[in-house]
Amino acid sequence: MSDKSEKHEFSWGPATGVGSMPGTDAREAAKTVVGSVENFPYLPELPARGPGADMIGRSIGLLVEMYAHVEPSGWRISDRPGRDTRRARSWLGEDLDALEEFAQGYAGPLKVQAVGPWTLAAALELRHGESLLSDPGACRDLAASLAEGLRTHLADVRRRLPEAQVVVQLDEPSVTAVLLGRIKSASGYRTHRAVDRQLVESTLREVIADEPVVIHSCAPEVPFALLRRAGAAGLSFDFELLTERDEEPLGEAVEGGTKLFAGVVPPTDTPLSDPGGSVMGVRTLWRRLGLNPGTLAESLVITPACGLAGASPAYARAALAQCVRAARSLADNPE
């Protein structure tokens, strides 16, 4: 186990969500989350409110001395904060107020989410419209700005909820495409050069710093070993997208003390199986890896496969409740 993992030996809770929730009401979302995953709540994101509440815009609002505005093609770097940046910061403040109201006095693990540096670089445009990923210097500046903004954000969360043990989730769904040179240029006729693996790793390590960080990707081909080397204390993924070649790095992660956030509950409205059925695949994986079934509950956090923004409010509540029940079934019946 890495030194970083050893510094964060608190209980992570049996189940949590990924981040996004349906609707536009911050208080209703916070009430649902705190009531549904009471042992590992998180700061809800409500992208239905529009630009600035979306995953990218929300994280742009965290940046220090870097700004962006919305163009038809997406988010583009600006010289100064404008309406879109101010709106992102305002909504984040509203969400924090709601979470503070419903989680007052909470003393367990609490998760907040932000987009990681590589997914943010792939999504942001430079002033002339090309991806920020094409400029190594801009990528460095972005990572430094994000790291500083996260420190400020976490200090605010800890001030509001001083007894909570704050966990950061970095959303990196594009990191695989960045590593494999699959990010398209502005024209769409070519792709950007693959970024060196060591640079991807070292940049993530700088943003992670000394925080307990979970790195989330609901894309295929997650580079689990690289994310662990970068300092991730937890790995969050869509369980359905795992392939045979993911098994060895996941087995090494479990044996090394890295927490797995297994996304096993569908994120959009669908009939739900019994709780034990939701984690049947997890039990099967454990047997294939030759791992002790008794370690299942302590090694796993159960989550939806991705965010719940596309679900109905009733299904979002049911999905979070299913995560809790499925985690309980693992603890009660690991075999």
Protein backbone atom coordinates (compact mmCIF):
# COMPACT_ATOMS: atom_id res chain seq x y z
CA MET A 1 0.00 0.00 0.00
CA SER A 2 1.29 3.45 -0.84
CA ASP A 3 2.09 5.99 1.83
CA LYS A 4 -0.75 8.12 0.48
CA SER A 5 -3.28 5.34 1.01
CA GLU A 6 -2.05 4.78 4.54
CA LYS A 7 -2.76 8.40 5.40
CA HIS A 8 -6.46 7.97 4.58
CA GLU A 9 -7.47 4.95 6.62
CA PHE A 10 -10.99 6.07 7.46
CA SER A 11 -14.14 4.18 6.51
CA TRP A 12 -15.37 5.20 3.07
CA GLY A 13 -18.95 4.01 3.55
CA PRO A 14 -20.64 1.12 1.79
CA ALA A 15 -22.45 3.02 -0.99
CA THR A 16 -22.58 6.44 -2.62
CA GLY A 17 -23.54 8.16 -5.87
CA VAL A 18 -21.38 9.37 -8.73
CA GLY A 19 -22.38 13.04 -8.72
CA SER A 20 -25.18 14.27 -10.96
CA MET A 21 -28.85 14.20 -10.02
CA PRO A 22 -32.02 15.03 -11.98
CA GLY A 23 -33.89 18.31 -11.69
CA THR A 24 -32.93 21.85 -10.78
CA ASP A 25 -33.78 22.10 -7.07
CA ALA A 26 -30.58 22.11 -4.98
CA ARG A 27 -32.38 21.59 -1.67
CA GLU A 28 -34.39 18.64 -2.96
CA ALA A 29 -31.25 17.02 -4.41
CA ALA A 30 -29.28 17.49 -1.19
CA LYS A 31 -32.17 16.14 0.90
CA THR A 32 -32.40 13.05 -1.35
CA VAL A 33 -28.68 12.35 -1.28
CA VAL A 34 -28.21 12.83 2.47
CA GLY A 35 -31.29 10.73 3.17
CA SER A 36 -30.47 7.94 0.69
CA VAL A 37 -26.72 7.35 1.14
CA GLU A 38 -26.50 8.51 4.72
CA ASN A 39 -23.12 6.84 5.37
CA PHE A 40 -21.39 8.39 2.33
CA PRO A 41 -23.29 11.43 1.00
CA TYR A 42 -21.95 13.66 -1.76
CA LEU A 43 -22.38 17.14 -3.15
CA PRO A 44 -25.05 16.81 -5.88
CA GLU A 45 -24.57 18.27 -9.35
CA LEU A 46 -27.64 19.45 -11.30
CA PRO A 47 -26.68 19.83 -14.98
CA ALA A 48 -30.33 20.34 -16.02
CA ARG A 49 -29.95 23.96 -14.90
CA GLY A 50 -27.83 24.63 -17.98
CA PRO A 51 -24.28 25.80 -18.82
CA GLY A 52 -22.33 26.35 -15.62
CA ALA A 53 -24.11 23.50 -13.87
CA ASP A 54 -22.74 20.97 -16.36
CA MET A 55 -19.71 18.89 -15.37
CA ILE A 56 -17.21 21.04 -17.31
CA GLY A 57 -18.72 24.42 -16.44
CA ARG A 58 -18.92 23.58 -12.76
CA SER A 59 -15.20 22.79 -12.65
CA ILE A 60 -14.35 25.91 -14.64
CA GLY A 61 -15.99 27.82 -11.80
CA LEU A 62 -13.37 26.33 -9.44
CA LEU A 63 -10.37 27.55 -11.46
CA VAL A 64 -8.11 30.27 -10.08
CA GLU A 65 -7.16 33.07 -12.49
CA MET A 66 -8.46 31.11 -15.48
CA TYR A 67 -11.89 31.78 -16.97
CA ALA A 68 -14.08 30.50 -19.77
CA HIS A 69 -17.35 31.28 -21.52
CA VAL A 70 -19.83 29.26 -23.56
CA GLU A 71 -19.58 29.18 -27.36
CA PRO A 72 -21.80 27.08 -29.67
CA SER A 73 -18.94 24.58 -29.83
CA GLY A 74 -18.45 24.40 -26.06
CA TRP A 75 -16.47 26.12 -23.31
CA ARG A 76 -13.72 28.52 -24.48
CA ILE A 77 -10.97 30.25 -22.48
CA SER A 78 -11.62 33.95 -21.67
CA ASP A 79 -9.48 36.85 -20.46
CA ARG A 80 -11.79 37.68 -17.58
CA PRO A 81 -14.70 36.16 -15.65
CA GLY A 82 -18.00 36.64 -17.46
CA ARG A 83 -21.61 35.72 -16.95
CA ASP A 84 -21.05 31.98 -17.49
CA THR A 85 -18.26 31.75 -14.90
CA ARG A 86 -20.25 33.80 -12.38
CA ARG A 87 -23.29 31.58 -12.91
CA ALA A 88 -21.20 28.42 -12.34
CA ARG A 89 -19.86 29.82 -9.07
CA SER A 90 -23.29 30.97 -7.95
CA TRP A 91 -24.83 27.54 -8.51
CA LEU A 92 -21.97 25.83 -6.69
CA GLY A 93 -22.56 28.14 -3.73
CA GLU A 94 -26.27 27.32 -3.81
CA ASP A 95 -25.49 23.59 -3.82
CA LEU A 96 -23.08 23.95 -0.91
CA ASP A 97 -25.67 25.91 1.08
CA ALA A 98 -28.19 23.10 0.55
CA LEU A 99 -25.73 20.37 1.49
CA GLU A 100 -24.68 22.29 4.59
CA GLU A 101 -28.33 22.58 5.63
CA PHE A 102 -29.13 18.87 5.34
CA ALA A 103 -25.74 17.44 6.41
CA GLN A 104 -25.19 19.70 9.43
CA GLY A 105 -23.32 17.74 12.12
CA TYR A 106 -22.47 14.85 9.77
CA ALA A 107 -19.21 13.17 10.80
CA GLY A 108 -18.50 10.49 8.17
CA PRO A 109 -17.00 10.47 4.66
CA LEU A 110 -18.39 13.12 2.30
CA LYS A 111 -17.61 13.26 -1.43
CA VAL A 112 -17.24 16.28 -3.69
CA GLN A 113 -16.60 16.01 -7.42
CA ALA A 114 -14.56 17.96 -9.98
CA VAL A 115 -13.43 17.23 -13.51
CA GLY A 116 -9.83 16.08 -13.67
CA PRO A 117 -7.13 18.02 -15.54
CA TRP A 118 -7.03 15.84 -18.67
CA THR A 119 -10.77 15.64 -19.30
CA LEU A 120 -10.94 19.40 -18.67
CA ALA A 121 -8.07 20.03 -21.11
CA ALA A 122 -9.78 17.87 -23.74
CA ALA A 123 -13.08 19.73 -23.33
CA LEU A 124 -11.84 23.33 -23.12
CA GLU A 125 -11.06 25.43 -26.21
CA LEU A 126 -8.27 27.96 -26.56
CA ARG A 127 -9.19 31.45 -27.76
CA HIS A 128 -8.79 30.47 -31.44
CA GLY A 129 -11.08 27.46 -31.03
CA GLU A 130 -8.59 24.57 -30.89
CA SER A 131 -8.57 22.16 -27.94
CA LEU A 132 -6.53 23.31 -24.97
CA LEU A 133 -5.02 19.82 -25.05
CA SER A 134 -2.95 20.95 -28.06
CA ASP A 135 -0.93 23.41 -25.93
CA PRO A 136 1.34 21.76 -23.31
CA GLY A 137 1.93 25.06 -21.51
CA ALA A 138 -1.80 25.72 -21.26
CA CYS A 139 -2.29 22.19 -19.90
CA ARG A 140 0.26 22.89 -17.15
CA ASP A 141 -1.41 26.19 -16.27
CA LEU A 142 -4.82 24.53 -16.21
CA ALA A 143 -3.66 21.77 -13.85
CA ALA A 144 -2.06 24.30 -11.48
CA SER A 145 -5.20 26.46 -11.52
CA LEU A 146 -7.42 23.45 -10.85
CA ALA A 147 -5.22 22.25 -7.97
CA GLU A 148 -5.35 25.67 -6.31
CA GLY A 149 -9.08 26.02 -6.90
CA LEU A 150 -9.72 22.59 -5.41
CA ARG A 151 -7.77 23.51 -2.27
CA THR A 152 -9.93 26.60 -1.82
CA HIS A 153 -13.12 24.62 -2.49
CA LEU A 154 -12.21 21.89 0.00
CA ALA A 155 -11.37 24.47 2.66
CA ASP A 156 -14.86 25.94 2.19
CA VAL A 157 -16.52 22.50 2.45
CA ARG A 158 -14.54 21.69 5.61
CA ARG A 159 -15.43 25.04 7.14
CA ARG A 160 -19.13 24.38 6.52
CA LEU A 161 -19.05 20.72 7.65
CA PRO A 162 -16.06 20.54 10.00
CA GLU A 163 -16.71 16.98 11.23
CA ALA A 164 -16.96 15.44 7.75
CA GLN A 165 -14.06 13.52 6.20
CA VAL A 166 -13.96 15.06 2.73
CA VAL A 167 -13.12 12.84 -0.25
CA VAL A 168 -12.45 14.28 -3.72
CA GLN A 169 -13.70 12.55 -6.86
CA LEU A 170 -11.86 13.56 -10.03
CA ASP A 171 -13.96 12.78 -13.10
CA GLU A 172 -11.65 11.63 -15.90
CA PRO A 173 -13.82 9.98 -18.58
CA SER A 174 -11.52 11.33 -21.34
CA VAL A 175 -8.20 10.21 -19.86
CA THR A 176 -8.11 7.02 -21.97
CA ALA A 177 -8.77 8.99 -25.18
CA VAL A 178 -6.02 11.46 -24.18
CA LEU A 179 -3.55 8.59 -23.66
CA LEU A 180 -4.47 6.89 -26.94
CA GLY A 181 -4.59 10.01 -29.14
CA ARG A 182 -8.35 9.86 -29.76
CA ILE A 183 -9.30 13.46 -28.94
CA LYS A 184 -10.49 15.11 -32.16
CA SER A 185 -9.24 18.49 -33.36
CA ALA A 186 -11.62 21.42 -33.81
CA SER A 187 -12.06 20.55 -37.50
CA GLY A 188 -12.87 16.95 -36.66
CA TYR A 189 -10.58 15.73 -39.48
CA ARG A 190 -7.67 14.71 -37.27
CA THR A 191 -6.90 13.78 -33.69
CA HIS A 192 -4.49 15.29 -31.21
CA ARG A 193 -1.26 13.48 -30.51
CA ALA A 194 -1.34 11.01 -27.63
CA VAL A 195 -0.07 12.55 -24.40
CA ASP A 196 2.88 10.79 -22.76
CA ARG A 197 1.76 8.43 -19.99
CA GLN A 198 4.30 9.77 -17.51
CA LEU A 199 3.06 13.32 -18.09
CA VAL A 200 -0.56 12.24 -17.58
CA GLU A 201 0.44 10.49 -14.36
CA SER A 202 2.58 13.30 -12.96
CA THR A 203 -0.07 15.93 -13.71
CA LEU A 204 -2.72 13.90 -11.91
CA ARG A 205 -0.34 13.44 -8.98
CA GLU A 206 0.13 17.22 -8.71
CA VAL A 207 -3.63 17.82 -8.65
CA ILE A 208 -4.24 14.99 -6.16
CA ALA A 209 -1.51 16.32 -3.86
CA ASP A 210 -2.18 14.94 -0.38
CA GLU A 211 -5.96 14.55 -0.55
CA PRO A 212 -7.96 11.29 -0.41
CA VAL A 213 -8.95 11.12 -4.10
CA VAL A 214 -11.17 8.77 -6.08
CA ILE A 215 -10.69 8.91 -9.86
CA HIS A 216 -13.87 8.14 -11.80
CA SER A 217 -14.32 7.10 -15.41
CA CYS A 218 -17.45 5.56 -16.89
CA ALA A 219 -15.61 4.99 -20.21
CA PRO A 220 -14.05 1.72 -21.43
CA GLU A 221 -10.33 0.88 -21.05
CA VAL A 222 -9.73 2.74 -17.79
CA PRO A 223 -5.93 2.90 -17.12
CA PHE A 224 -6.28 1.54 -13.58
CA ALA A 225 -2.57 0.97 -12.93
CA LEU A 226 -1.62 4.49 -14.05
CA LEU A 227 -4.32 6.06 -11.88
CA ARG A 228 -3.07 4.13 -8.85
CA ARG A 229 0.52 5.24 -9.49
CA ALA A 230 -0.73 8.83 -9.67
CA GLY A 231 -1.95 8.48 -6.08
CA ALA A 232 -5.63 7.57 -6.40
CA ALA A 233 -6.91 6.06 -3.16
CA GLY A 234 -10.05 4.86 -4.96
CA LEU A 235 -11.03 3.85 -8.52
CA SER A 236 -14.61 4.42 -9.72
CA PHE A 237 -15.90 2.71 -12.88
CA ASP A 238 -18.84 1.23 -14.77
CA PHE A 239 -18.68 -2.45 -13.86
CA GLU A 240 -20.38 -3.51 -17.12
CA LEU A 241 -17.49 -2.09 -19.18
CA LEU A 242 -14.80 -4.22 -17.54
CA THR A 243 -12.96 -6.71 -19.75
CA GLU A 244 -10.68 -9.63 -18.96
CA ARG A 245 -7.57 -7.46 -19.24
CA ASP A 246 -8.88 -5.21 -16.44
CA GLU A 247 -8.92 -8.07 -13.96
CA GLU A 248 -5.20 -8.19 -13.11
CA PRO A 249 -4.85 -4.44 -12.36
CA LEU A 250 -8.05 -4.50 -10.31
CA GLY A 251 -6.82 -7.50 -8.34
CA GLU A 252 -3.55 -5.67 -7.66
CA ALA A 253 -5.54 -2.61 -6.61
CA VAL A 254 -7.55 -4.58 -4.06
CA GLU A 255 -4.43 -6.25 -2.67
CA GLY A 256 -2.73 -2.86 -2.48
CA GLY A 257 -5.54 -1.33 -0.41
CA THR A 258 -7.12 0.79 -3.15
CA LYS A 259 -10.89 1.11 -2.72
CA LEU A 260 -13.01 0.08 -5.73
CA PHE A 261 -16.16 2.08 -6.46
CA ALA A 262 -18.11 -0.44 -8.51
CA GLY A 263 -20.84 1.09 -10.67
CA VAL A 264 -23.38 -1.74 -10.79
CA VAL A 265 -26.79 -0.01 -10.71
CA PRO A 266 -28.10 1.35 -14.06
CA PRO A 267 -28.06 5.19 -14.11
CA THR A 268 -31.33 5.65 -16.03
CA ASP A 269 -34.84 4.33 -15.42
CA THR A 270 -35.03 0.57 -15.71
CA PRO A 271 -36.54 -2.24 -13.63
CA LEU A 272 -34.12 -3.03 -10.82
CA SER A 273 -33.13 -6.57 -9.86
CA ASP A 274 -33.01 -7.77 -6.29
CA PRO A 275 -30.05 -6.21 -4.41
CA GLY A 276 -28.08 -9.46 -4.48
CA GLY A 277 -28.51 -9.64 -8.26
CA SER A 278 -26.95 -6.17 -8.63
CA VAL A 279 -23.66 -7.44 -7.16
CA MET A 280 -23.66 -10.97 -8.58
CA GLY A 281 -21.02 -9.96 -11.14
CA VAL A 282 -18.83 -8.53 -8.38
CA ARG A 283 -18.93 -11.81 -6.48
CA THR A 284 -18.04 -13.68 -9.69
CA LEU A 285 -15.09 -11.37 -10.33
CA TRP A 286 -13.83 -11.92 -6.79
CA ARG A 287 -13.86 -15.69 -7.31
CA ARG A 288 -12.01 -15.41 -10.63
CA LEU A 289 -9.35 -13.24 -9.00
CA GLY A 290 -8.94 -15.71 -6.15
CA LEU A 291 -9.68 -13.02 -3.59
CA ASN A 292 -11.10 -13.74 -0.16
CA PRO A 293 -14.89 -13.15 -0.27
CA GLY A 294 -14.62 -11.76 3.25
CA THR A 295 -12.82 -8.71 1.82
CA LEU A 296 -15.67 -7.78 -0.52
CA ALA A 297 -17.47 -5.35 1.76
CA GLU A 298 -14.29 -3.65 2.99
CA SER A 299 -12.82 -3.31 -0.52
CA LEU A 300 -15.88 -2.00 -2.36
CA VAL A 301 -18.16 1.00 -2.45
CA ILE A 302 -21.31 0.34 -4.50
CA THR A 303 -22.50 3.12 -6.85
CA PRO A 304 -24.66 3.67 -9.92
CA ALA A 305 -22.79 3.00 -13.17
CA CYS A 306 -22.65 6.75 -13.90
CA GLY A 307 -24.37 9.96 -12.87
CA LEU A 308 -28.15 10.06 -12.39
CA ALA A 309 -28.89 13.28 -14.33
CA GLY A 310 -30.82 11.36 -16.99
CA ALA A 311 -33.04 9.54 -14.49
CA SER A 312 -36.44 10.50 -13.15
CA PRO A 313 -36.36 11.82 -9.56
CA ALA A 314 -38.16 8.70 -8.33
CA TYR A 315 -35.70 6.40 -10.08
CA ALA A 316 -32.71 8.38 -8.77
CA ARG A 317 -33.94 7.77 -5.22
CA ALA A 318 -34.57 4.10 -5.98
CA ALA A 319 -31.11 3.67 -7.56
CA LEU A 320 -29.33 5.13 -4.54
CA ALA A 321 -31.41 2.95 -2.21
CA GLN A 322 -30.52 -0.06 -4.38
CA CYS A 323 -26.81 0.75 -3.99
CA VAL A 324 -27.20 0.74 -0.20
CA ARG A 325 -29.13 -2.53 -0.19
CA ALA A 326 -26.69 -4.18 -2.60
CA ALA A 327 -23.75 -3.16 -0.42
CA ARG A 328 -25.55 -4.59 2.60
CA SER A 329 -26.09 -7.88 0.79
CA LEU A 330 -22.34 -8.13 0.15
CA ALA A 331 -21.61 -7.55 3.81
CA ASP A 332 -24.26 -10.01 4.98
CA ASN A 333 -23.56 -12.72 2.39
CA PRO A 334 -20.09 -12.33 0.80
CA GLU A 335 -20.18 -15.84 -0.65
